[in-house]
């Protein structure tokens, strides 16, 4: 079976980790994350509902293509509307 080159990326408070993998053609985004899990930092807690490819959210079952970069997204720590309110209050 043919293999494709992909990356799994995680950006945390300590910095970014990018793991290059060669996976069989037909591998899904979640399967790639599972293969990369051992190399991810301890604080990375992959969630199948928080995956993307090049900043576009995708389902865990998305079949990968050559050169894809699977990104693990962290939960938001602050609601975006609340963050805007706080910035507006500081600027006033």
Protein backbone atom coordinates (compact mmCIF):
# COMPACT_ATOMS: atom_id res chain seq x y z
CA UNK A 1 0.00 0.00 0.00
CA UNK A 2 1.27 3.48 -0.83
CA UNK A 3 2.34 5.82 1.95
CA UNK A 4 1.86 9.56 2.23
CA UNK A 5 3.82 12.16 4.21
CA UNK A 6 1.79 14.18 6.72
CA UNK A 7 2.35 16.19 9.89
CA UNK A 8 0.56 16.33 13.23
CA UNK A 9 0.87 19.70 14.98
CA UNK A 10 0.07 20.91 18.49
CA UNK A 11 0.63 24.43 19.81
CA UNK A 12 0.60 24.79 23.58
CA UNK A 13 1.74 27.37 26.11
CA UNK A 14 5.27 25.98 25.99
CA UNK A 15 5.54 26.16 22.20
CA UNK A 16 4.70 24.24 19.06
CA UNK A 17 5.37 20.57 18.35
CA UNK A 18 5.22 19.27 14.78
CA UNK A 19 5.53 15.53 14.20
CA UNK A 20 6.28 14.30 10.68
CA UNK A 21 4.80 10.90 9.83
CA UNK A 22 4.54 8.54 6.90
CA UNK A 23 1.16 6.83 6.99
CA UNK A 24 -0.67 4.45 4.67
CA UNK A 25 -2.88 6.04 2.05
CA UNK A 26 -6.44 6.16 3.41
CA UNK A 27 -5.42 7.07 6.97
CA UNK A 28 -7.87 9.35 8.78
CA UNK A 29 -7.02 12.46 10.78
CA UNK A 30 -7.77 10.70 14.07
CA UNK A 31 -5.68 7.65 13.14
CA UNK A 32 -2.74 9.97 12.47
CA UNK A 33 -3.21 11.61 15.87
CA UNK A 34 -3.23 8.17 17.50
CA UNK A 35 0.05 7.31 15.76
CA UNK A 36 1.63 10.59 16.92
CA UNK A 37 0.27 10.43 20.50
CA UNK A 38 3.48 9.04 22.05
CA UNK A 39 5.48 12.02 20.73
CA UNK A 40 3.00 14.68 21.88
CA UNK A 41 3.65 16.69 25.06
CA UNK A 42 1.95 15.50 28.24
CA UNK A 43 -0.38 18.52 28.32
CA UNK A 44 -1.76 17.69 24.85
CA UNK A 45 -5.10 15.93 25.28
CA UNK A 46 -6.32 15.10 21.78
CA UNK A 47 -10.06 15.40 21.22
CA UNK A 48 -11.58 14.01 18.01
CA UNK A 49 -13.97 16.97 17.87
CA UNK A 50 -11.08 19.50 17.86
CA UNK A 51 -9.09 18.65 14.74
CA UNK A 52 -8.24 20.69 11.69
CA UNK A 53 -6.15 20.64 8.54
CA UNK A 54 -4.42 23.93 7.79
CA UNK A 55 -6.72 25.93 10.11
CA UNK A 56 -9.94 24.41 8.75
CA UNK A 57 -11.91 22.24 11.17
CA UNK A 58 -12.40 18.68 9.92
CA UNK A 59 -14.14 15.56 11.27
CA UNK A 60 -11.97 12.87 12.87
CA UNK A 61 -12.80 10.55 9.95
CA UNK A 62 -11.37 12.93 7.31
CA UNK A 63 -9.11 10.92 4.99
CA UNK A 64 -5.70 12.55 4.70
CA UNK A 65 -3.90 13.53 1.54
CA UNK A 66 -0.19 13.93 0.81
CA UNK A 67 1.22 16.94 2.68
CA UNK A 68 -1.73 17.47 5.05
CA UNK A 69 -0.99 18.96 8.46
CA UNK A 70 -3.38 17.72 11.14
CA UNK A 71 -3.75 20.33 13.88
CA UNK A 72 -4.90 19.62 17.43
CA UNK A 73 -6.94 22.48 18.84
CA UNK A 74 -7.09 23.28 22.56
CA UNK A 75 -10.31 24.31 24.32
CA UNK A 76 -10.86 28.05 24.64
CA UNK A 77 -9.88 29.45 28.03
CA UNK A 78 -11.99 32.58 27.60
CA UNK A 79 -15.12 33.26 25.58
CA UNK A 80 -14.18 35.45 22.58
CA UNK A 81 -17.03 37.91 23.31
CA UNK A 82 -15.82 38.34 26.88
CA UNK A 83 -12.24 38.89 25.67
CA UNK A 84 -13.46 41.68 23.35
CA UNK A 85 -15.42 43.29 26.21
CA UNK A 86 -12.33 43.27 28.43
CA UNK A 87 -10.18 44.83 25.70
CA UNK A 88 -12.81 47.53 25.09
CA UNK A 89 -12.98 48.32 28.81
CA UNK A 90 -9.19 48.75 29.01
CA UNK A 91 -9.19 51.04 25.97
CA UNK A 92 -11.93 53.32 27.32
